[in-house]
Protein backbone atom coordinates (compact mmCIF):
# COMPACT_ATOMS: atom_id res chain seq x y z
CA MET A 1 24.94 -155.02 222.87
CA SER A 2 24.37 -151.44 221.72
CA GLY A 3 21.22 -150.72 223.74
CA ARG A 4 19.67 -151.57 227.09
CA VAL A 5 17.36 -154.59 227.08
CA LEU A 6 16.34 -154.96 230.69
CA THR A 7 13.38 -157.29 230.63
CA GLU A 8 13.27 -160.98 229.79
CA ALA A 9 9.52 -160.87 229.16
CA GLU A 10 9.94 -159.05 225.86
CA PRO A 11 13.19 -160.13 224.19
CA ARG A 12 12.12 -159.11 220.68
CA LEU A 13 11.71 -155.57 219.34
CA GLU A 14 8.09 -155.95 218.26
CA PRO A 15 5.12 -153.66 218.95
CA ARG A 16 2.36 -155.01 221.15
CA THR A 17 -1.12 -155.24 219.68
CA SER A 18 -3.45 -153.67 222.21
CA LEU A 19 -3.83 -150.91 224.77
CA PRO A 20 -5.87 -152.27 227.70
CA GLY A 21 -8.30 -150.14 229.62
CA VAL A 22 -9.14 -147.66 226.85
CA SER A 23 -12.26 -147.74 224.67
CA PRO A 24 -11.76 -144.98 222.10
CA SER A 25 -13.47 -144.64 218.72
CA GLY A 26 -12.59 -143.34 215.28
CA VAL A 27 -9.13 -141.83 215.05
CA GLU A 28 -8.20 -142.69 218.63
CA GLN A 29 -9.16 -146.31 218.01
CA ALA A 30 -7.03 -146.40 214.87
CA VAL A 31 -4.00 -145.12 216.79
CA THR A 32 -4.65 -147.49 219.68
CA ALA A 33 -4.63 -150.35 217.17
CA LEU A 34 -1.01 -149.51 216.36
CA GLY A 35 -0.02 -151.07 219.68
CA ASP A 36 3.13 -149.93 221.46
CA LEU A 37 4.84 -147.02 219.73
CA ALA A 38 8.47 -146.18 218.97
CA ASP A 39 10.11 -142.74 219.02
CA LEU A 40 13.54 -142.54 217.39
CA HIS A 41 13.98 -138.74 217.42
CA ILE A 42 13.45 -137.10 220.79
CA HIS A 43 15.74 -134.50 222.38
CA VAL A 44 16.24 -134.56 226.13
CA GLY A 45 16.26 -130.75 226.06
CA GLY A 46 12.72 -130.60 224.69
CA ALA A 47 11.11 -133.54 226.43
CA VAL A 48 11.15 -132.82 230.18
CA ALA A 49 7.89 -131.58 231.68
CA PRO A 50 7.93 -127.93 232.82
CA HIS A 51 7.11 -128.87 236.42
CA ILE A 52 10.12 -131.22 236.48
CA LEU A 53 12.39 -128.52 235.04
CA TRP A 54 10.96 -126.07 237.60
CA SER A 55 11.80 -128.52 240.39
CA ILE A 56 15.32 -129.18 239.06
CA ALA A 57 16.00 -125.44 238.68
CA HIS A 58 15.02 -124.72 242.29
CA GLU A 59 16.84 -127.76 243.63
CA GLN A 60 20.06 -126.44 242.07
CA GLY A 61 19.52 -122.81 242.98
CA PHE A 62 19.19 -121.81 239.32
CA LYS A 63 18.37 -118.12 238.95
CA LEU A 64 15.31 -117.76 236.73
CA PRO A 65 14.07 -114.62 234.97
CA VAL A 66 10.45 -115.29 236.06
CA ARG A 67 8.75 -115.58 239.42
CA THR A 68 5.84 -117.96 238.94
CA PHE A 69 5.58 -121.49 237.57
CA PHE A 70 3.12 -120.44 234.87
CA GLU A 71 5.52 -117.79 233.60
CA PHE A 72 8.22 -120.43 233.59
CA ARG A 73 6.02 -122.88 231.67
CA ASP A 74 5.57 -120.25 228.96
CA LEU A 75 9.33 -119.64 228.95
CA VAL A 76 10.18 -123.27 228.14
CA THR A 77 7.33 -124.00 225.71
CA ALA A 78 7.46 -123.34 221.96
CA ASN A 79 4.30 -121.24 221.80
CA PRO A 80 3.36 -120.60 218.14
CA GLU A 81 3.08 -116.87 218.92
CA LYS A 82 6.76 -116.64 219.83
CA VAL A 83 8.33 -119.45 217.77
CA SER A 84 8.36 -118.68 214.07
CA SER A 85 11.60 -120.39 213.02
CA LEU A 86 14.06 -123.13 213.87
CA GLY A 87 16.28 -120.48 215.45
CA ASP A 88 13.53 -119.48 217.91
CA TYR A 89 13.02 -123.13 218.80
CA LEU A 90 16.73 -123.76 219.39
CA GLN A 91 17.06 -120.64 221.51
CA ILE A 92 14.64 -122.06 224.08
CA LEU A 93 16.66 -125.27 224.18
CA HIS A 94 20.09 -123.66 224.48
CA GLN A 95 19.16 -120.74 226.73
CA TRP A 96 16.98 -122.54 229.26
CA THR A 97 16.23 -126.26 229.15
CA GLU A 98 19.75 -127.48 228.41
CA ARG A 99 21.24 -125.17 231.04
CA ILE A 100 18.80 -126.37 233.69
CA GLN A 101 19.73 -129.97 232.86
CA SER A 102 23.45 -129.28 233.23
CA SER A 103 24.46 -131.46 236.16
CA PRO A 104 24.68 -135.21 236.80
CA SER A 105 21.58 -135.25 239.01
CA ALA A 106 19.61 -133.11 236.55
CA ILE A 107 20.39 -135.21 233.49
CA GLU A 108 19.71 -138.44 235.40
CA ARG A 109 16.30 -137.26 236.49
CA SER A 110 15.56 -135.87 233.03
CA CYS A 111 16.21 -139.17 231.24
CA TYR A 112 14.25 -141.11 233.83
CA GLU A 113 11.24 -138.77 233.71
CA ILE A 114 11.10 -138.64 229.89
CA ILE A 115 11.00 -142.40 229.41
CA GLY A 116 8.33 -142.86 232.08
CA LYS A 117 6.17 -140.05 230.74
CA GLU A 118 6.36 -141.25 227.13
CA TYR A 119 5.36 -144.75 228.17
CA ARG A 120 2.47 -143.56 230.38
CA SER A 121 1.09 -141.09 227.85
CA SER A 122 1.59 -142.98 224.59
CA ARG A 123 2.84 -146.49 225.35
CA VAL A 124 6.21 -145.64 223.80
CA SER A 125 8.06 -148.87 224.50
CA LEU A 126 11.06 -148.22 222.25
CA ILE A 127 12.75 -144.86 222.64
CA GLU A 128 16.04 -143.32 221.55
CA LEU A 129 16.86 -140.18 223.53
CA ARG A 130 19.47 -137.79 222.19
CA PHE A 131 21.48 -135.00 223.76
CA ASN A 132 24.90 -133.36 223.65
CA PRO A 133 26.79 -134.25 226.85
CA MET A 134 29.17 -131.30 226.37
CA LYS A 135 26.19 -128.95 226.61
CA ARG A 136 25.44 -130.42 230.05
CA ASN A 137 28.89 -130.13 231.68
CA GLN A 138 29.00 -126.35 232.15
CA GLU A 139 31.75 -125.79 229.55
CA GLY A 140 34.09 -128.24 231.25
CA GLU A 141 33.32 -127.36 234.87
CA ARG A 142 31.72 -130.78 235.35
CA ASP A 143 33.25 -134.10 234.37
CA LEU A 144 31.89 -135.38 231.05
CA ASP A 145 31.91 -139.03 232.11
CA HIS A 146 29.91 -138.20 235.22
CA ILE A 147 27.25 -136.56 233.03
CA ILE A 148 27.13 -139.63 230.76
CA ALA A 149 27.03 -142.12 233.63
CA ALA A 150 24.21 -140.17 235.26
CA ALA A 151 22.16 -140.15 232.05
CA LEU A 152 22.58 -143.90 231.78
CA ARG A 153 21.50 -144.37 235.40
CA GLY A 154 18.27 -142.57 234.59
CA LEU A 155 17.87 -144.73 231.50
CA ASP A 156 18.48 -147.96 233.43
CA ARG A 157 16.04 -147.06 236.19
CA ALA A 158 13.23 -146.21 233.76
CA CYS A 159 13.82 -149.37 231.72
CA LEU A 160 13.65 -151.51 234.85
CA GLU A 161 10.48 -149.84 236.12
CA TYR A 162 8.52 -149.72 232.86
CA GLY A 163 9.93 -152.72 230.97
CA VAL A 164 10.78 -150.62 227.93
CA LYS A 165 13.82 -150.55 225.66
CA ALA A 166 15.84 -147.34 225.42
CA GLY A 167 19.17 -146.04 224.20
CA LEU A 168 21.05 -142.74 224.07
CA ILE A 169 22.33 -140.93 220.98
CA PHE A 170 25.06 -138.32 221.42
CA CYS A 171 24.58 -135.14 219.39
CA LEU A 172 27.65 -133.54 217.90
CA ALA A 173 27.27 -129.78 217.43
CA ARG A 174 27.71 -127.94 214.16
CA GLU A 175 29.02 -124.93 216.04
CA PHE A 176 31.74 -126.98 217.82
CA ASP A 177 35.28 -127.35 216.54
CA PHE A 178 36.07 -130.79 215.13
CA GLU A 179 38.24 -131.61 218.15
CA LEU A 180 35.30 -131.24 220.55
CA ASN A 181 33.02 -133.36 218.38
CA GLU A 182 35.72 -136.02 218.14
CA ILE A 183 35.77 -136.21 221.93
CA ILE A 184 32.01 -136.81 221.95
CA VAL A 185 32.43 -139.71 219.49
CA ARG A 186 35.23 -141.10 221.63
CA LYS A 187 32.90 -141.04 224.65
CA ALA A 188 30.15 -142.73 222.62
CA GLU A 189 32.60 -145.51 221.73
CA ARG A 190 33.68 -145.88 225.35
CA TRP A 191 30.11 -146.11 226.71
CA ARG A 192 28.57 -148.05 223.82
CA SER A 193 28.18 -151.29 225.77
CA ARG A 194 26.28 -149.41 228.48
CA GLY A 195 23.53 -147.99 226.27
CA ILE A 196 24.97 -145.37 223.90
CA VAL A 197 23.54 -146.50 220.56
CA GLY A 198 24.50 -143.81 218.06
CA ILE A 199 25.76 -140.35 217.13
CA ASP A 200 24.01 -137.40 215.53
CA VAL A 201 24.91 -133.90 214.36
CA ALA A 202 22.55 -131.09 215.34
CA GLY A 203 22.39 -127.31 215.32
CA PRO A 204 21.67 -124.51 212.85
CA GLU A 205 22.66 -125.49 209.33
CA ARG A 206 24.39 -122.15 208.85
CA HIS A 207 27.14 -123.83 210.89
CA THR A 208 27.73 -126.46 208.25
CA ILE A 209 30.09 -129.39 208.42
CA GLU A 210 28.43 -131.01 205.41
CA LEU A 211 30.14 -128.67 202.93
CA GLY A 212 32.84 -127.16 205.11
CA GLY A 213 36.59 -127.62 205.20
CA ASP A 214 36.37 -130.40 207.81
CA VAL A 215 34.16 -132.67 205.73
CA ASP A 216 36.98 -135.20 205.15
CA ALA A 217 37.61 -135.45 208.88
CA TYR A 218 33.90 -135.89 209.62
CA GLU A 219 33.62 -138.53 206.92
CA GLU A 220 36.28 -140.58 208.72
CA LEU A 221 34.70 -139.82 212.12
CA PHE A 222 31.36 -141.23 210.96
CA ALA A 223 33.09 -144.26 209.45
CA ARG A 224 34.88 -144.81 212.75
CA ALA A 225 31.57 -144.64 214.66
CA ARG A 226 30.08 -147.25 212.34
CA ARG A 227 33.08 -149.53 212.87
CA ALA A 228 32.51 -149.23 216.62
CA GLY A 229 28.95 -150.48 216.19
CA LEU A 230 27.25 -147.11 216.65
CA GLY A 231 24.25 -146.03 214.59
CA THR A 232 24.62 -142.77 212.65
CA THR A 233 22.06 -140.08 211.99
CA ILE A 234 22.30 -136.36 211.25
CA HIS A 235 20.01 -133.35 211.24
CA THR A 236 19.84 -131.89 207.75
CA GLY A 237 17.23 -130.48 205.38
CA GLU A 238 15.32 -129.42 208.49
CA THR A 239 13.97 -126.20 207.02
CA ALA A 240 12.70 -125.24 203.60
CA SER A 241 15.14 -122.33 203.46
CA THR A 242 18.33 -124.38 203.86
CA GLY A 243 17.96 -126.11 200.52
CA VAL A 244 18.76 -129.65 199.54
CA GLU A 245 22.53 -129.32 199.00
CA GLY A 246 23.26 -130.27 202.60
CA VAL A 247 21.08 -133.38 202.35
CA ILE A 248 22.91 -134.58 199.25
CA ALA A 249 26.30 -133.84 200.82
CA VAL A 250 25.34 -135.83 203.93
CA ILE A 251 24.23 -138.79 201.83
CA ASP A 252 27.37 -138.75 199.67
CA ARG A 253 30.00 -138.01 202.32
CA LEU A 254 28.75 -138.98 205.79
CA ARG A 255 26.53 -141.90 204.71
CA PRO A 256 24.29 -142.11 207.79
CA SER A 257 21.71 -144.82 208.40
CA ARG A 258 19.05 -142.20 209.11
CA ILE A 259 18.53 -138.47 208.63
CA GLY A 260 16.80 -136.22 211.15
CA HIS A 261 13.92 -134.39 209.43
CA GLY A 262 15.23 -134.23 205.83
CA ILE A 263 12.15 -132.32 204.68
CA ALA A 264 14.13 -130.47 201.98
CA ALA A 265 14.87 -133.77 200.21
CA ALA A 266 11.34 -133.71 198.79
CA GLU A 267 12.39 -130.88 196.47
CA SER A 268 15.04 -132.98 194.74
CA GLU A 269 14.62 -136.12 192.67
CA GLU A 270 18.35 -136.73 193.05
CA ALA A 271 18.16 -136.58 196.84
CA MET A 272 15.18 -138.93 197.00
CA ARG A 273 16.81 -141.37 194.61
CA LYS A 274 19.99 -141.43 196.70
CA LEU A 275 18.01 -141.92 199.93
CA VAL A 276 16.44 -145.03 198.42
CA GLU A 277 19.70 -146.33 196.91
CA ARG A 278 21.55 -145.94 200.24
CA ASP A 279 18.55 -147.23 202.25
CA ILE A 280 18.51 -144.13 204.49
CA ALA A 281 15.38 -143.51 206.55
CA LEU A 282 14.09 -140.03 207.43
CA GLU A 283 13.03 -139.14 210.98
CA ILE A 284 9.96 -136.96 210.34
CA CYS A 285 8.72 -134.83 213.26
CA PRO A 286 5.36 -133.35 212.16
CA THR A 287 4.52 -130.90 214.96
CA SER A 288 8.12 -129.70 215.11
CA ASN A 289 8.22 -129.12 211.35
CA LEU A 290 4.95 -127.20 211.53
CA ARG A 291 6.08 -125.09 214.49
CA THR A 292 9.46 -124.17 212.96
CA LYS A 293 7.87 -123.44 209.56
CA ALA A 294 9.79 -126.23 207.82
CA VAL A 295 6.41 -126.89 206.21
CA ARG A 296 3.68 -124.33 205.56
CA ASP A 297 0.79 -126.38 206.93
CA LEU A 298 -0.53 -129.92 207.17
CA ALA A 299 -1.50 -129.94 203.50
CA HIS A 300 2.09 -129.11 202.58
CA LEU A 301 3.37 -131.85 204.90
CA GLY A 302 0.94 -134.26 203.26
CA GLU A 303 2.32 -133.38 199.83
CA ILE A 304 5.89 -133.99 201.04
CA LEU A 305 5.08 -137.36 202.63
CA ALA A 306 3.12 -138.42 199.54
CA ARG A 307 6.16 -137.58 197.40
CA PHE A 308 8.37 -139.67 199.69
CA ARG A 309 5.94 -142.60 199.50
CA ASP A 310 5.74 -142.39 195.71
CA ARG A 311 9.56 -142.50 195.47
CA LYS A 312 9.80 -145.29 198.09
CA VAL A 313 11.70 -143.09 200.56
CA ALA A 314 11.53 -144.67 204.03
CA TYR A 315 10.45 -142.46 206.94
CA THR A 316 9.32 -142.73 210.55
CA ILE A 317 7.15 -140.46 212.70
CA ASN A 318 8.66 -138.92 215.85
CA THR A 319 8.09 -136.16 218.42
CA ASP A 320 11.40 -134.20 218.53
CA GLY A 321 10.52 -132.38 221.78
CA PRO A 322 7.22 -133.50 223.36
CA TYR A 323 6.91 -130.95 226.16
CA LEU A 324 8.56 -128.10 224.32
CA LEU A 325 6.04 -128.67 221.50
CA GLU A 326 3.15 -129.85 223.71
CA THR A 327 2.76 -133.17 221.92
CA ASN A 328 3.42 -136.91 222.28
CA MET A 329 3.55 -139.91 219.96
CA ARG A 330 -0.18 -140.64 220.19
CA LEU A 331 -1.03 -137.04 219.35
CA GLU A 332 1.36 -137.08 216.39
CA PHE A 333 -0.32 -140.12 214.86
CA GLU A 334 -3.83 -138.89 215.74
CA LEU A 335 -3.12 -135.59 214.00
CA LEU A 336 -1.83 -137.26 210.84
CA VAL A 337 -4.64 -139.83 210.64
CA ARG A 338 -7.40 -137.34 211.49
CA GLU A 339 -6.22 -134.87 208.85
CA ARG A 340 -5.70 -137.72 206.34
CA VAL A 341 -2.01 -137.02 205.97
CA LEU A 342 -1.54 -140.73 206.66
CA SER A 343 -3.95 -143.59 206.24
CA GLU A 344 -4.29 -146.10 209.06
CA ALA A 345 -2.17 -148.55 207.06
CA GLU A 346 0.53 -145.93 206.46
CA ALA A 347 0.59 -145.02 210.15
CA ARG A 348 1.03 -148.70 211.02
CA ALA A 349 3.83 -149.01 208.48
CA CYS A 350 5.63 -145.98 209.98
CA ASN A 351 5.50 -147.44 213.47
CA GLU A 352 6.67 -150.86 212.30
CA ARG A 353 9.47 -149.22 210.34
CA ALA A 354 10.68 -147.46 213.49
CA TYR A 355 11.05 -150.85 215.19
CA GLN A 356 13.03 -152.03 212.18
CA ARG A 357 15.28 -148.95 211.94
CA THR A 358 16.16 -148.53 215.60
CA PHE A 359 19.81 -148.46 216.66
CA ILE A 360 18.93 -150.54 219.72
CA SER A 361 19.99 -154.14 219.21
């Protein structure tokens, strides 16, 4: 089994049909009617509440550059006034949230808290968390397997308490040498039966493996992951400025089941055709794409999603980093339905598609 299924009451991966105790109207009612939600693209580094990170930082004696909690909250939140690009967004992750989560106890608590919060706030009952374990082991000072085991303990505990289904995706890093990324895949293979469900590649696309000299090695690495029963996804086409060449290279060479973001594919008929031919689904993250300027505004996002629908490109809706972006799955769907980016039927189809495209068996 490639994911954790820890409740006998719900053996099938199907959304529920109601949200008891809430009597909303209009847009809220439409989103409530979706039933339980699924989030397939959520980074541990961007999903832990500031007060939890604050607690973890103090528990570990982490030296912070601010004195008060409210200053800290601003430090670890992607405020539109200070985040104008993907680089700004990633800097918050790499400089603060990932460092604070860099211990077994910190990553265990992080995974546990994320799953519970997403269920309580949005009834997210199917969730795939992703993170890079090598960015949590203090550059080798901590044992990598201890970090992984701790993350899975947090996953198990949350699944038992909330009756949800969850799995972990390991992110390879574009800035890492191939040898380091190969180790991450090896660890994913080793821990697959315990809840590691897939691999990803993340990081600034200026560090490109899609078109670089190691592409043959990565092609075999992805094939090896598939043979081991792992799902494969990759961040590409995340910004308008990176162009579509990386998306096409990923489709042709790495052949993932899903692509993280993939916004740039809308500019290329070839890319969209290949996505459909290879049955690759896009993991769209609306608030993230707006905040990092991958899209100009909601109207632009609507044009892109309409183009994908016209060409039969499959996509899901996800959060990317709920607390970093001050969002959740309900808010994502409410935004899209309210602004008529998606109809109620399209929103329902996106949520159902996420249940179909999950790496959790």
